[in-house]
Amino acid sequence: MKQSRKVVIGITGGISTGKSFVMKIFKELGCAVFNCDVVAKEILDDKNVLEKVKGEFSECFNDKLLDRKKLRSIIFSDEASRRKLDAITHPAIYNRVQELVREIESDIVAVEIPLLFEASFEKLVGYIVCVVCSTSEQIKRLIARDNINKAEATKAINSQMPLAEKVKRSNTVVDTALGEESVKKQVKEILKRLDNK
């Protein structure tokens, strides 16, 4: 790398667009990678965060144990509840991602942040890649992955920020519809572009 500072790439996109696949390619090409969803799950094990969650969602606790499935069901069906949970967890997730990025000894770090824009995490990264594919491909992948019907898949896709809006707010796009070799070529092009900055 020509630059002496670390480059942090935020990988975002819609549900079932192929973000994890793109992350795999970044890793194969020598980048350090991690997933923000893993951090989010770990945050719910933090005692301070858990106490705040219990204060707002006591019905999701059996004794001191959080029923994650019940909490997920509540936040997916009620926007106000989701916003409450986000207000509790997002600051802790933001701080933990910052720590992890600092700890990683690599010139380039790719962080998968599915809700990068929704959570206002843009300041965590220096470059944003939006992973895309057609809506019909998204639906097909989601049905296969989650064993759900077309109506449920469509509802899940429509519950997110429109992909076109994410594309507008990103630095570049990776289209996963064209297969592995195409994705590798697109990722290599991104890394080359960043190397020349």
C-alpha atoms as a PDB file:
ATOM      1  CA  MET A   1       0.000   0.000   0.000  1.00  0.00           C
ATOM      2  CA  LYS A   2       1.212   3.474  -0.753  1.00  0.00           C
ATOM      3  CA  GLN A   3      -0.582   5.177   2.096  1.00  0.00           C
ATOM      4  CA  SER A   4       0.685   4.824   5.652  1.00  0.00           C
ATOM      5  CA  ARG A   5      -2.759   4.986   7.230  1.00  0.00           C
ATOM      6  CA  LYS A   6      -5.201   2.144   7.503  1.00  0.00           C
ATOM      7  CA  VAL A   7      -8.046   1.981   4.982  1.00  0.00           C
ATOM      8  CA  VAL A   8     -11.350   0.787   6.417  1.00  0.00           C
ATOM      9  CA  ILE A   9     -13.853  -0.447   3.846  1.00  0.00           C
ATOM     10  CA  GLY A  10     -17.492  -0.690   4.855  1.00  0.00           C
ATOM     11  CA  ILE A  11     -19.312  -3.491   3.054  1.00  0.00           C
ATOM     12  CA  THR A  12     -23.084  -2.996   2.991  1.00  0.00           C
ATOM     13  CA  GLY A  13     -26.045  -3.883   0.809  1.00  0.00           C
ATOM     14  CA  GLY A  14     -29.450  -5.479   0.974  1.00  0.00           C
ATOM     15  CA  ILE A  15     -30.429  -8.768   2.539  1.00  0.00           C
ATOM     16  CA  SER A  16     -29.163 -11.765   0.490  1.00  0.00           C
ATOM     17  CA  THR A  17     -27.231  -9.659  -2.015  1.00  0.00           C
ATOM     18  CA  GLY A  18     -23.989 -11.573  -1.329  1.00  0.00           C
ATOM     19  CA  LYS A  19     -22.186  -9.438   1.261  1.00  0.00           C
ATOM     20  CA  SER A  20     -20.588 -12.446   2.998  1.00  0.00           C
ATOM     21  CA  PHE A  21     -19.407 -13.790  -0.347  1.00  0.00           C
ATOM     22  CA  VAL A  22     -17.787 -10.427  -1.160  1.00  0.00           C
ATOM     23  CA  MET A  23     -16.149 -10.439   2.285  1.00  0.00           C
ATOM     24  CA  LYS A  24     -14.705 -13.893   1.523  1.00  0.00           C
ATOM     25  CA  ILE A  25     -13.110 -12.474  -1.643  1.00  0.00           C
ATOM     26  CA  PHE A  26     -11.622  -9.500   0.256  1.00  0.00           C
ATOM     27  CA  LYS A  27     -10.136 -11.992   2.745  1.00  0.00           C
ATOM     28  CA  GLU A  28      -8.736 -14.207  -0.030  1.00  0.00           C
ATOM     29  CA  LEU A  29      -7.054 -11.121  -1.479  1.00  0.00           C
ATOM     30  CA  GLY A  30      -5.253 -10.411   1.800  1.00  0.00           C
ATOM     31  CA  CYS A  31      -7.531  -7.974   3.619  1.00  0.00           C
ATOM     32  CA  ALA A  32      -8.405  -8.300   7.287  1.00  0.00           C
ATOM     33  CA  VAL A  33     -12.163  -8.803   7.624  1.00  0.00           C
ATOM     34  CA  PHE A  34     -14.862  -8.979  10.280  1.00  0.00           C
ATOM     35  CA  ASN A  35     -18.628  -8.879  10.501  1.00  0.00           C
ATOM     36  CA  CYS A  36     -20.519  -6.228  12.469  1.00  0.00           C
ATOM     37  CA  ASP A  37     -23.400  -8.677  13.085  1.00  0.00           C
ATOM     38  CA  VAL A  38     -21.020 -10.849  15.136  1.00  0.00           C
ATOM     39  CA  VAL A  39     -20.118  -7.779  17.207  1.00  0.00           C
ATOM     40  CA  ALA A  40     -23.831  -6.996  17.649  1.00  0.00           C
ATOM     41  CA  LYS A  41     -24.483 -10.506  19.000  1.00  0.00           C
ATOM     42  CA  GLU A  42     -21.535 -10.205  21.404  1.00  0.00           C
ATOM     43  CA  ILE A  43     -22.781  -6.807  22.613  1.00  0.00           C
ATOM     44  CA  LEU A  44     -25.967  -8.493  23.841  1.00  0.00           C
ATOM     45  CA  ASP A  45     -23.753 -10.521  26.203  1.00  0.00           C
ATOM     46  CA  ASP A  46     -22.335  -7.348  27.791  1.00  0.00           C
ATOM     47  CA  LYS A  47     -23.712  -6.957  31.321  1.00  0.00           C
ATOM     48  CA  ASN A  48     -24.348  -3.196  31.060  1.00  0.00           C
ATOM     49  CA  VAL A  49     -26.092  -3.496  27.694  1.00  0.00           C
ATOM     50  CA  LEU A  50     -28.107  -6.484  28.901  1.00  0.00           C
ATOM     51  CA  GLU A  51     -29.372  -4.519  31.917  1.00  0.00           C
ATOM     52  CA  LYS A  52     -30.575  -1.699  29.663  1.00  0.00           C
ATOM     53  CA  VAL A  53     -32.249  -4.193  27.317  1.00  0.00           C
ATOM     54  CA  LYS A  54     -33.935  -5.842  30.311  1.00  0.00           C
ATOM     55  CA  GLY A  55     -35.228  -2.427  31.407  1.00  0.00           C
ATOM     56  CA  GLU A  56     -36.997  -1.946  28.058  1.00  0.00           C
ATOM     57  CA  PHE A  57     -37.830  -5.540  27.105  1.00  0.00           C
ATOM     58  CA  SER A  58     -38.367  -7.403  30.391  1.00  0.00           C
ATOM     59  CA  GLU A  59     -40.835  -9.744  28.646  1.00  0.00           C
ATOM     60  CA  CYS A  60     -37.876 -11.160  26.678  1.00  0.00           C
ATOM     61  CA  PHE A  61     -36.133 -12.494  29.758  1.00  0.00           C
ATOM     62  CA  ASN A  62     -36.553 -15.833  31.495  1.00  0.00           C
ATOM     63  CA  ASP A  63     -34.938 -15.187  34.872  1.00  0.00           C
ATOM     64  CA  LYS A  64     -31.674 -13.509  33.764  1.00  0.00           C
ATOM     65  CA  LEU A  65     -31.486 -15.108  30.308  1.00  0.00           C
ATOM     66  CA  LEU A  66     -32.377 -13.143  27.199  1.00  0.00           C
ATOM     67  CA  ASP A  67     -34.722 -14.915  24.785  1.00  0.00           C
ATOM     68  CA  ARG A  68     -33.117 -13.603  21.585  1.00  0.00           C
ATOM     69  CA  LYS A  69     -35.760 -15.177  19.356  1.00  0.00           C
ATOM     70  CA  LYS A  70     -38.547 -13.372  21.225  1.00  0.00           C
ATOM     71  CA  LEU A  71     -36.636 -10.072  21.117  1.00  0.00           C
ATOM     72  CA  ARG A  72     -36.017 -10.487  17.367  1.00  0.00           C
ATOM     73  CA  SER A  73     -39.724 -11.167  16.818  1.00  0.00           C
ATOM     74  CA  ILE A  74     -40.686  -7.976  18.710  1.00  0.00           C
ATOM     75  CA  ILE A  75     -38.230  -5.684  16.940  1.00  0.00           C
ATOM     76  CA  PHE A  76     -39.136  -7.013  13.473  1.00  0.00           C
ATOM     77  CA  SER A  77     -42.837  -6.413  14.062  1.00  0.00           C
ATOM     78  CA  ASP A  78     -42.662  -3.053  15.866  1.00  0.00           C
ATOM     79  CA  GLU A  79     -40.633  -0.108  14.582  1.00  0.00           C
ATOM     80  CA  ALA A  80     -40.708   1.778  17.921  1.00  0.00           C
ATOM     81  CA  SER A  81     -39.285  -1.266  19.714  1.00  0.00           C
ATOM     82  CA  ARG A  82     -36.555  -1.622  17.113  1.00  0.00           C
ATOM     83  CA  ARG A  83     -35.592   2.024  17.593  1.00  0.00           C
ATOM     84  CA  LYS A  84     -35.429   1.516  21.385  1.00  0.00           C
ATOM     85  CA  LEU A  85     -33.133  -1.486  20.993  1.00  0.00           C
ATOM     86  CA  ASP A  86     -30.970   0.371  18.454  1.00  0.00           C
ATOM     87  CA  ALA A  87     -30.592   3.308  20.865  1.00  0.00           C
ATOM     88  CA  ILE A  88     -29.248   0.883  23.469  1.00  0.00           C
ATOM     89  CA  THR A  89     -27.015  -1.280  21.287  1.00  0.00           C
ATOM     90  CA  HIS A  90     -25.699   0.952  18.487  1.00  0.00           C
ATOM     91  CA  PRO A  91     -23.372   3.128  20.625  1.00  0.00           C
ATOM     92  CA  ALA A  92     -21.794  -0.003  22.142  1.00  0.00           C
ATOM     93  CA  ILE A  93     -21.470  -1.658  18.716  1.00  0.00           C
ATOM     94  CA  TYR A  94     -19.922   1.519  17.249  1.00  0.00           C
ATOM     95  CA  ASN A  95     -17.317   1.693  20.037  1.00  0.00           C
ATOM     96  CA  ARG A  96     -16.468  -2.020  19.752  1.00  0.00           C
ATOM     97  CA  VAL A  97     -16.031  -1.834  15.967  1.00  0.00           C
ATOM     98  CA  GLN A  98     -13.707   1.162  16.438  1.00  0.00           C
ATOM     99  CA  GLU A  99     -11.628  -0.844  18.949  1.00  0.00           C
ATOM    100  CA  LEU A 100     -11.412  -3.859  16.649  1.00  0.00           C
ATOM    101  CA  VAL A 101     -10.319  -1.732  13.692  1.00  0.00           C
ATOM    102  CA  ARG A 102      -7.573  -0.155  15.841  1.00  0.00           C
ATOM    103  CA  GLU A 103      -6.380  -3.578  17.049  1.00  0.00           C
ATOM    104  CA  ILE A 104      -6.120  -5.123  13.574  1.00  0.00           C
ATOM    105  CA  GLU A 105      -2.627  -4.890  12.122  1.00  0.00           C
ATOM    106  CA  SER A 106      -3.451  -4.617   8.446  1.00  0.00           C
ATOM    107  CA  ASP A 107      -3.367  -1.801   5.896  1.00  0.00           C
ATOM    108  CA  ILE A 108      -6.845  -2.674   4.679  1.00  0.00           C
ATOM    109  CA  VAL A 109      -9.754  -3.780   6.850  1.00  0.00           C
ATOM    110  CA  ALA A 110     -13.100  -4.746   5.324  1.00  0.00           C
ATOM    111  CA  VAL A 111     -16.012  -4.580   7.769  1.00  0.00           C
ATOM    112  CA  GLU A 112     -19.378  -6.057   6.860  1.00  0.00           C
ATOM    113  CA  ILE A 113     -21.978  -3.611   8.211  1.00  0.00           C
ATOM    114  CA  PRO A 114     -25.393  -4.538   6.771  1.00  0.00           C
ATOM    115  CA  LEU A 115     -27.100  -1.532   8.418  1.00  0.00           C
ATOM    116  CA  LEU A 116     -24.235   0.915   7.846  1.00  0.00           C
ATOM    117  CA  PHE A 117     -26.494   3.782   6.742  1.00  0.00           C
ATOM    118  CA  GLU A 118     -29.461   2.928   8.959  1.00  0.00           C
ATOM    119  CA  ALA A 119     -27.200   2.916  12.040  1.00  0.00           C
ATOM    120  CA  SER A 120     -25.296   6.055  10.902  1.00  0.00           C
ATOM    121  CA  PHE A 121     -21.976   4.168  11.025  1.00  0.00           C
ATOM    122  CA  GLU A 122     -20.499   5.934   7.982  1.00  0.00           C
ATOM    123  CA  LYS A 123     -17.827   7.655  10.108  1.00  0.00           C
ATOM    124  CA  LEU A 124     -16.388   4.242  11.032  1.00  0.00           C
ATOM    125  CA  VAL A 125     -15.220   3.666   7.465  1.00  0.00           C
ATOM    126  CA  GLY A 126     -13.302   5.552   4.811  1.00  0.00           C
ATOM    127  CA  TYR A 127     -14.741   3.833   1.762  1.00  0.00           C
ATOM    128  CA  ILE A 128     -18.170   2.245   1.221  1.00  0.00           C
ATOM    129  CA  VAL A 129     -18.921  -0.703  -1.065  1.00  0.00           C
ATOM    130  CA  CYS A 130     -22.563  -1.588  -1.698  1.00  0.00           C
ATOM    131  CA  VAL A 131     -23.158  -5.213  -2.697  1.00  0.00           C
ATOM    132  CA  VAL A 132     -26.056  -5.610  -5.138  1.00  0.00           C
ATOM    133  CA  CYS A 133     -27.971  -8.099  -7.247  1.00  0.00           C
ATOM    134  CA  SER A 134     -31.424  -8.066  -8.823  1.00  0.00           C
ATOM    135  CA  THR A 135     -34.501  -8.172  -6.579  1.00  0.00           C
ATOM    136  CA  SER A 136     -35.541 -11.482  -8.154  1.00  0.00           C
ATOM    137  CA  GLU A 137     -32.107 -12.942  -7.285  1.00  0.00           C
ATOM    138  CA  GLN A 138     -32.398 -11.564  -3.732  1.00  0.00           C
ATOM    139  CA  ILE A 139     -35.795 -13.251  -3.328  1.00  0.00           C
ATOM    140  CA  LYS A 140     -34.502 -16.547  -4.728  1.00  0.00           C
ATOM    141  CA  ARG A 141     -31.473 -16.525  -2.377  1.00  0.00           C
ATOM    142  CA  LEU A 142     -33.556 -15.538   0.662  1.00  0.00           C
ATOM    143  CA  ILE A 143     -36.121 -18.298   0.050  1.00  0.00           C
ATOM    144  CA  ALA A 144     -33.304 -20.867  -0.215  1.00  0.00           C
ATOM    145  CA  ARG A 145     -31.335 -19.534   2.776  1.00  0.00           C
ATOM    146  CA  ASP A 146     -34.170 -19.026   5.265  1.00  0.00           C
ATOM    147  CA  ASN A 147     -36.663 -21.594   3.947  1.00  0.00           C
ATOM    148  CA  ILE A 148     -39.416 -18.968   3.632  1.00  0.00           C
ATOM    149  CA  ASN A 149     -41.997 -18.211   0.946  1.00  0.00           C
ATOM    150  CA  LYS A 150     -41.867 -15.449  -1.678  1.00  0.00           C
ATOM    151  CA  ALA A 151     -44.215 -13.118   0.269  1.00  0.00           C
ATOM    152  CA  GLU A 152     -42.029 -13.373   3.409  1.00  0.00           C
ATOM    153  CA  ALA A 153     -38.864 -12.809   1.376  1.00  0.00           C
ATOM    154  CA  THR A 154     -40.377  -9.752  -0.301  1.00  0.00           C
ATOM    155  CA  LYS A 155     -41.499  -8.372   3.085  1.00  0.00           C
ATOM    156  CA  ALA A 156     -37.969  -8.793   4.489  1.00  0.00           C
ATOM    157  CA  ILE A 157     -36.444  -6.981   1.492  1.00  0.00           C
ATOM    158  CA  ASN A 158     -39.019  -4.170   1.649  1.00  0.00           C
ATOM    159  CA  SER A 159     -38.422  -3.664   5.386  1.00  0.00           C
ATOM    160  CA  GLN A 160     -34.903  -2.407   4.620  1.00  0.00           C
ATOM    161  CA  MET A 161     -33.607   0.834   3.187  1.00  0.00           C
ATOM    162  CA  PRO A 162     -34.032   0.616  -0.599  1.00  0.00           C
ATOM    163  CA  LEU A 163     -30.932  -0.763  -2.311  1.00  0.00           C
ATOM    164  CA  ALA A 164     -30.973   2.165  -4.772  1.00  0.00           C
ATOM    165  CA  GLU A 165     -30.581   4.573  -1.826  1.00  0.00           C
ATOM    166  CA  LYS A 166     -27.638   2.575  -0.442  1.00  0.00           C
ATOM    167  CA  VAL A 167     -26.017   2.596  -3.887  1.00  0.00           C
ATOM    168  CA  LYS A 168     -26.384   6.400  -4.095  1.00  0.00           C
ATOM    169  CA  ARG A 169     -24.644   6.834  -0.744  1.00  0.00           C
ATOM    170  CA  SER A 170     -21.778   4.403  -1.481  1.00  0.00           C
ATOM    171  CA  ASN A 171     -18.420   4.981  -3.158  1.00  0.00           C
ATOM    172  CA  THR A 172     -18.796   1.972  -5.429  1.00  0.00           C
ATOM    173  CA  VAL A 173     -20.841  -1.148  -6.120  1.00  0.00           C
ATOM    174  CA  VAL A 174     -20.078  -4.869  -6.429  1.00  0.00           C
ATOM    175  CA  ASP A 175     -22.669  -6.828  -8.424  1.00  0.00           C
ATOM    176  CA  THR A 176     -22.750 -10.474  -7.317  1.00  0.00           C
ATOM    177  CA  ALA A 177     -25.180 -11.660 -10.005  1.00  0.00           C
ATOM    178  CA  LEU A 178     -22.398 -12.378 -12.495  1.00  0.00           C
ATOM    179  CA  GLY A 179     -20.588 -15.069 -10.477  1.00  0.00           C
ATOM    180  CA  GLU A 180     -17.359 -15.552  -8.567  1.00  0.00           C
ATOM    181  CA  GLU A 181     -14.849 -14.546 -11.244  1.00  0.00           C
ATOM    182  CA  SER A 182     -16.685 -11.291 -11.884  1.00  0.00           C
ATOM    183  CA  VAL A 183     -16.820 -10.519  -8.157  1.00  0.00           C
ATOM    184  CA  LYS A 184     -13.075 -11.194  -7.805  1.00  0.00           C
ATOM    185  CA  LYS A 185     -12.381  -8.851 -10.711  1.00  0.00           C
ATOM    186  CA  GLN A 186     -14.580  -6.123  -9.171  1.00  0.00           C
ATOM    187  CA  VAL A 187     -12.919  -6.459  -5.742  1.00  0.00           C
ATOM    188  CA  LYS A 188      -9.422  -6.408  -7.269  1.00  0.00           C
ATOM    189  CA  GLU A 189     -10.394  -3.206  -9.103  1.00  0.00           C
ATOM    190  CA  ILE A 190     -11.521  -1.618  -5.815  1.00  0.00           C
ATOM    191  CA  LEU A 191      -8.248  -2.565  -4.100  1.00  0.00           C
ATOM    192  CA  LYS A 192      -6.257  -1.187  -7.046  1.00  0.00           C
ATOM    193  CA  ARG A 193      -8.236   2.077  -6.889  1.00  0.00           C
ATOM    194  CA  LEU A 194      -7.584   2.397  -3.149  1.00  0.00           C
ATOM    195  CA  ASP A 195      -3.881   1.633  -3.655  1.00  0.00           C
ATOM    196  CA  ASN A 196      -3.640   4.531  -6.117  1.00  0.00           C
ATOM    197  CA  LYS A 197      -5.283   7.071  -3.773  1.00  0.00           C
END
